[in-house]
Each structure stands twice: as C-alpha cells, then as structure tokens.
Amino acid sequence: MNINFPPVDADYIKTKVESGYYSNATEMVRDAVRRLREQDAHHGRLLAALEIGERDITAGRTVPYTPDLLKQIEQEARTHATNNRPTNPDVMF
C-alpha cells in the first residue's frame, strides 16, 4: 500500500521520526492507526452507554445526584483502589 501525504503531514511525520519518537514513518503511521482503532472502540462503548442512559431516563429509572451519593461513590472508589480491584475502563478518561 502506498500513501501520499500532503507536505504539512509529511513534514510532521518526518519531524517525529527525526526527533527519535519513532524509528521510521511506517512505525508512526501504524501507531496512529492503532490509536484510531482504540478511539473507535472507546467511542462505540460510549455511545452504547449513552443509549442505555437515554432509555433509563425515558423509563424514569434515575437516581438523584446528591452529596451523599458522591460520598458513596468516592468510598467505593477508595475501596476498589485499596483492594487493587481493576477499574472499569468505561468510567475512565
């Protein structure tokens, strides 16, 4: 596969390689494509979560966000961290 980049992009790639961040242009493009795939996967999970939330709101399944709820969420997070339990990637950014 051959890819032609406009000069501004070719210069950017060349600068990244020359800075030592990547060993060659192919490595940089592969990294960019990998990152796009990861972003697409994350975007898909986000959209699915939003759809679930929209359905819950429509059905009236909501919980008011209160200071007490925030304290409960913080305590659960601390417990998870203390016990080295993995964090759900859908709640991380």
N, C-alpha and C. Protein backbone atom coordinates (compact mmCIF):
# COMPACT_ATOMS: atom_id res chain seq x y z
N MET A 1 0.84 -1.17 0.00
CA MET A 1 0.00 0.00 0.00
C MET A 1 0.89 1.24 0.00
N ASN A 2 0.60 2.15 -0.88
CA ASN A 2 1.31 3.42 -0.93
C ASN A 2 0.38 4.52 -0.47
N ILE A 3 0.88 5.40 0.37
CA ILE A 3 0.09 6.52 0.85
C ILE A 3 0.87 7.79 0.59
N ASN A 4 0.20 8.76 -0.01
CA ASN A 4 0.81 10.06 -0.26
C ASN A 4 0.21 11.06 0.71
N PHE A 5 1.09 11.77 1.42
CA PHE A 5 0.65 12.77 2.37
C PHE A 5 0.89 14.16 1.81
N PRO A 6 0.01 15.11 2.18
CA PRO A 6 0.29 16.49 1.80
C PRO A 6 1.56 16.95 2.53
N PRO A 7 2.23 17.95 2.02
CA PRO A 7 3.51 18.38 2.62
C PRO A 7 3.45 18.65 4.12
N VAL A 8 2.37 19.25 4.60
CA VAL A 8 2.30 19.57 6.02
C VAL A 8 2.33 18.29 6.86
N ASP A 9 1.64 17.23 6.40
CA ASP A 9 1.63 15.97 7.13
C ASP A 9 2.96 15.23 6.98
N ALA A 10 3.52 15.26 5.78
CA ALA A 10 4.82 14.61 5.55
C ALA A 10 5.89 15.25 6.43
N ASP A 11 5.85 16.57 6.54
CA ASP A 11 6.81 17.27 7.40
C ASP A 11 6.62 16.89 8.86
N TYR A 12 5.37 16.77 9.28
CA TYR A 12 5.08 16.39 10.66
C TYR A 12 5.63 14.99 10.95
N ILE A 13 5.39 14.05 10.06
CA ILE A 13 5.89 12.68 10.23
C ILE A 13 7.41 12.69 10.27
N LYS A 14 8.02 13.41 9.35
CA LYS A 14 9.49 13.49 9.31
C LYS A 14 10.04 14.05 10.61
N THR A 15 9.40 15.08 11.15
CA THR A 15 9.84 15.68 12.41
C THR A 15 9.76 14.68 13.56
N LYS A 16 8.67 13.92 13.61
CA LYS A 16 8.52 12.92 14.68
C LYS A 16 9.60 11.85 14.59
N VAL A 17 9.89 11.41 13.38
CA VAL A 17 10.93 10.39 13.20
C VAL A 17 12.29 10.97 13.56
N GLU A 18 12.59 12.17 13.08
CA GLU A 18 13.89 12.79 13.35
C GLU A 18 14.09 13.08 14.84
N SER A 19 12.99 13.31 15.55
CA SER A 19 13.10 13.59 16.99
C SER A 19 13.37 12.32 17.79
N GLY A 20 13.26 11.17 17.12
CA GLY A 20 13.53 9.90 17.79
C GLY A 20 12.30 9.28 18.43
N TYR A 21 11.19 9.93 18.30
CA TYR A 21 9.97 9.39 18.89
C TYR A 21 9.55 8.10 18.19
N TYR A 22 9.79 8.04 16.89
CA TYR A 22 9.53 6.84 16.08
C TYR A 22 10.81 6.52 15.31
N SER A 23 10.99 5.24 15.02
CA SER A 23 12.20 4.85 14.29
C SER A 23 12.06 5.08 12.79
N ASN A 24 10.82 5.09 12.30
CA ASN A 24 10.59 5.36 10.88
C ASN A 24 9.14 5.79 10.67
N ALA A 25 8.84 6.24 9.47
CA ALA A 25 7.50 6.74 9.16
C ALA A 25 6.44 5.65 9.28
N THR A 26 6.78 4.43 8.87
CA THR A 26 5.83 3.33 8.95
C THR A 26 5.39 3.09 10.39
N GLU A 27 6.35 3.13 11.30
CA GLU A 27 6.03 2.92 12.71
C GLU A 27 5.07 4.01 13.21
N MET A 28 5.28 5.23 12.78
CA MET A 28 4.41 6.31 13.22
C MET A 28 3.00 6.14 12.67
N VAL A 29 2.88 5.80 11.41
CA VAL A 29 1.55 5.61 10.81
C VAL A 29 0.84 4.43 11.47
N ARG A 30 1.55 3.34 11.74
CA ARG A 30 0.94 2.20 12.43
C ARG A 30 0.42 2.62 13.80
N ASP A 31 1.21 3.42 14.52
CA ASP A 31 0.78 3.88 15.83
C ASP A 31 -0.47 4.74 15.71
N ALA A 32 -0.50 5.61 14.72
CA ALA A 32 -1.67 6.47 14.53
C ALA A 32 -2.91 5.64 14.22
N VAL A 33 -2.78 4.63 13.37
CA VAL A 33 -3.91 3.77 13.03
C VAL A 33 -4.37 2.99 14.26
N ARG A 34 -3.41 2.47 15.05
CA ARG A 34 -3.77 1.73 16.27
C ARG A 34 -4.55 2.63 17.22
N ARG A 35 -4.09 3.87 17.37
CA ARG A 35 -4.77 4.80 18.26
C ARG A 35 -6.18 5.11 17.77
N LEU A 36 -6.35 5.23 16.46
CA LEU A 36 -7.69 5.46 15.90
C LEU A 36 -8.61 4.27 16.17
N ARG A 37 -8.07 3.05 16.03
CA ARG A 37 -8.88 1.87 16.33
C ARG A 37 -9.33 1.88 17.79
N GLU A 38 -8.41 2.20 18.70
CA GLU A 38 -8.75 2.26 20.12
C GLU A 38 -9.79 3.34 20.38
N GLN A 39 -9.63 4.49 19.73
CA GLN A 39 -10.58 5.58 19.90
C GLN A 39 -11.96 5.17 19.39
N ASP A 40 -12.00 4.47 18.25
CA ASP A 40 -13.28 3.99 17.71
C ASP A 40 -13.95 3.03 18.68
N ALA A 41 -13.17 2.12 19.26
CA ALA A 41 -13.73 1.16 20.22
C ALA A 41 -14.29 1.89 21.43
N HIS A 42 -13.53 2.86 21.94
CA HIS A 42 -13.99 3.64 23.10
C HIS A 42 -15.26 4.41 22.73
N HIS A 43 -15.27 5.00 21.55
CA HIS A 43 -16.42 5.76 21.09
C HIS A 43 -17.66 4.86 21.01
N GLY A 44 -17.48 3.64 20.52
CA GLY A 44 -18.60 2.70 20.44
C GLY A 44 -19.15 2.36 21.82
N ARG A 45 -18.25 2.13 22.79
CA ARG A 45 -18.70 1.84 24.16
C ARG A 45 -19.42 3.04 24.76
N LEU A 46 -18.92 4.24 24.47
CA LEU A 46 -19.55 5.45 24.98
C LEU A 46 -20.95 5.61 24.41
N LEU A 47 -21.11 5.42 23.12
CA LEU A 47 -22.43 5.54 22.50
C LEU A 47 -23.40 4.51 23.07
N ALA A 48 -22.93 3.28 23.29
CA ALA A 48 -23.78 2.25 23.86
C ALA A 48 -24.22 2.64 25.27
N ALA A 49 -23.31 3.18 26.07
CA ALA A 49 -23.65 3.61 27.43
C ALA A 49 -24.64 4.77 27.39
N LEU A 50 -24.46 5.69 26.46
CA LEU A 50 -25.40 6.81 26.33
C LEU A 50 -26.80 6.32 25.96
N GLU A 51 -26.87 5.35 25.08
CA GLU A 51 -28.16 4.80 24.68
C GLU A 51 -28.86 4.15 25.88
N ILE A 52 -28.10 3.42 26.68
CA ILE A 52 -28.67 2.81 27.88
C ILE A 52 -29.18 3.89 28.82
N GLY A 53 -28.37 4.94 29.00
CA GLY A 53 -28.78 6.05 29.85
C GLY A 53 -30.03 6.74 29.36
N GLU A 54 -30.12 6.96 28.06
CA GLU A 54 -31.31 7.59 27.49
C GLU A 54 -32.55 6.73 27.73
N ARG A 55 -32.41 5.41 27.56
CA ARG A 55 -33.55 4.51 27.81
C ARG A 55 -33.96 4.56 29.28
N ASP A 56 -32.97 4.57 30.17
CA ASP A 56 -33.28 4.63 31.61
C ASP A 56 -33.97 5.93 31.97
N ILE A 57 -33.51 7.04 31.41
CA ILE A 57 -34.14 8.33 31.69
C ILE A 57 -35.58 8.32 31.19
N THR A 58 -35.78 7.83 29.98
CA THR A 58 -37.12 7.77 29.40
C THR A 58 -38.05 6.92 30.25
N ALA A 59 -37.51 5.83 30.80
CA ALA A 59 -38.31 4.91 31.62
C ALA A 59 -38.42 5.38 33.07
N GLY A 60 -37.77 6.49 33.40
CA GLY A 60 -37.85 7.01 34.77
C GLY A 60 -36.92 6.32 35.75
N ARG A 61 -35.97 5.55 35.24
CA ARG A 61 -35.01 4.86 36.12
C ARG A 61 -33.80 5.78 36.33
N THR A 62 -33.94 6.70 37.26
CA THR A 62 -32.87 7.65 37.54
C THR A 62 -32.60 7.70 39.04
N VAL A 63 -31.42 8.17 39.40
CA VAL A 63 -31.03 8.36 40.79
C VAL A 63 -30.56 9.81 40.93
N PRO A 64 -31.14 10.56 41.86
CA PRO A 64 -30.70 11.95 42.02
C PRO A 64 -29.24 12.01 42.47
N TYR A 65 -28.49 12.90 41.88
CA TYR A 65 -27.08 13.09 42.23
C TYR A 65 -27.02 14.02 43.43
N THR A 66 -26.70 13.46 44.59
CA THR A 66 -26.68 14.21 45.84
C THR A 66 -25.29 14.14 46.47
N PRO A 67 -25.02 15.01 47.45
CA PRO A 67 -23.73 14.91 48.15
C PRO A 67 -23.52 13.53 48.79
N ASP A 68 -24.59 12.93 49.29
CA ASP A 68 -24.46 11.59 49.89
C ASP A 68 -24.07 10.55 48.84
N LEU A 69 -24.66 10.65 47.65
CA LEU A 69 -24.30 9.72 46.59
C LEU A 69 -22.84 9.91 46.19
N LEU A 70 -22.39 11.15 46.11
CA LEU A 70 -20.99 11.43 45.78
C LEU A 70 -20.07 10.79 46.82
N LYS A 71 -20.40 10.92 48.10
CA LYS A 71 -19.60 10.30 49.15
C LYS A 71 -19.56 8.78 48.99
N GLN A 72 -20.70 8.19 48.66
CA GLN A 72 -20.76 6.74 48.46
C GLN A 72 -19.88 6.32 47.28
N ILE A 73 -19.94 7.06 46.20
CA ILE A 73 -19.13 6.75 45.02
C ILE A 73 -17.64 6.87 45.36
N GLU A 74 -17.28 7.93 46.07
CA GLU A 74 -15.87 8.12 46.46
C GLU A 74 -15.40 6.98 47.36
N GLN A 75 -16.24 6.55 48.30
CA GLN A 75 -15.85 5.47 49.21
C GLN A 75 -15.66 4.16 48.44
N GLU A 76 -16.56 3.88 47.51
CA GLU A 76 -16.43 2.66 46.70
C GLU A 76 -15.14 2.71 45.87
N ALA A 77 -14.81 3.88 45.34
CA ALA A 77 -13.58 4.02 44.54
C ALA A 77 -12.36 3.78 45.42
N ARG A 78 -12.37 4.32 46.62
CA ARG A 78 -11.25 4.11 47.54
C ARG A 78 -11.11 2.64 47.92
N THR A 79 -12.24 1.99 48.16
CA THR A 79 -12.22 0.56 48.50
C THR A 79 -11.65 -0.25 47.34
N HIS A 80 -12.09 0.05 46.13
CA HIS A 80 -11.55 -0.64 44.95
C HIS A 80 -10.05 -0.44 44.85
N ALA A 81 -9.61 0.80 45.03
CA ALA A 81 -8.17 1.10 44.91
C ALA A 81 -7.38 0.40 46.00
N THR A 82 -7.90 0.41 47.22
CA THR A 82 -7.22 -0.23 48.35
C THR A 82 -7.08 -1.73 48.14
N ASN A 83 -8.10 -2.33 47.54
CA ASN A 83 -8.11 -3.78 47.31
C ASN A 83 -7.52 -4.16 45.96
N ASN A 84 -6.92 -3.18 45.26
CA ASN A 84 -6.32 -3.41 43.94
C ASN A 84 -7.29 -4.04 42.95
N ARG A 85 -8.54 -3.67 43.05
CA ARG A 85 -9.53 -4.16 42.10
C ARG A 85 -9.44 -3.33 40.83
N PRO A 86 -9.55 -3.96 39.69
CA PRO A 86 -9.42 -3.20 38.43
C PRO A 86 -10.54 -2.18 38.27
N THR A 87 -10.20 -1.08 37.63
CA THR A 87 -11.17 -0.03 37.35
C THR A 87 -11.86 -0.33 36.04
N ASN A 88 -13.15 -0.10 36.00
CA ASN A 88 -13.92 -0.29 34.78
C ASN A 88 -13.44 0.74 33.75
N PRO A 89 -12.95 0.31 32.60
CA PRO A 89 -12.41 1.27 31.62
C PRO A 89 -13.48 2.23 31.09
N ASP A 90 -14.76 1.87 31.23
CA ASP A 90 -15.81 2.75 30.75
C ASP A 90 -16.01 3.98 31.65
N VAL A 91 -15.42 3.98 32.84
CA VAL A 91 -15.58 5.13 33.72
C VAL A 91 -14.29 5.92 33.83
N MET A 92 -13.32 5.59 33.00
CA MET A 92 -12.04 6.30 32.99
C MET A 92 -11.96 7.17 31.75
N PHE A 93 -11.18 8.22 31.83
CA PHE A 93 -10.95 9.03 30.62
C PHE A 93 -9.51 9.28 30.42
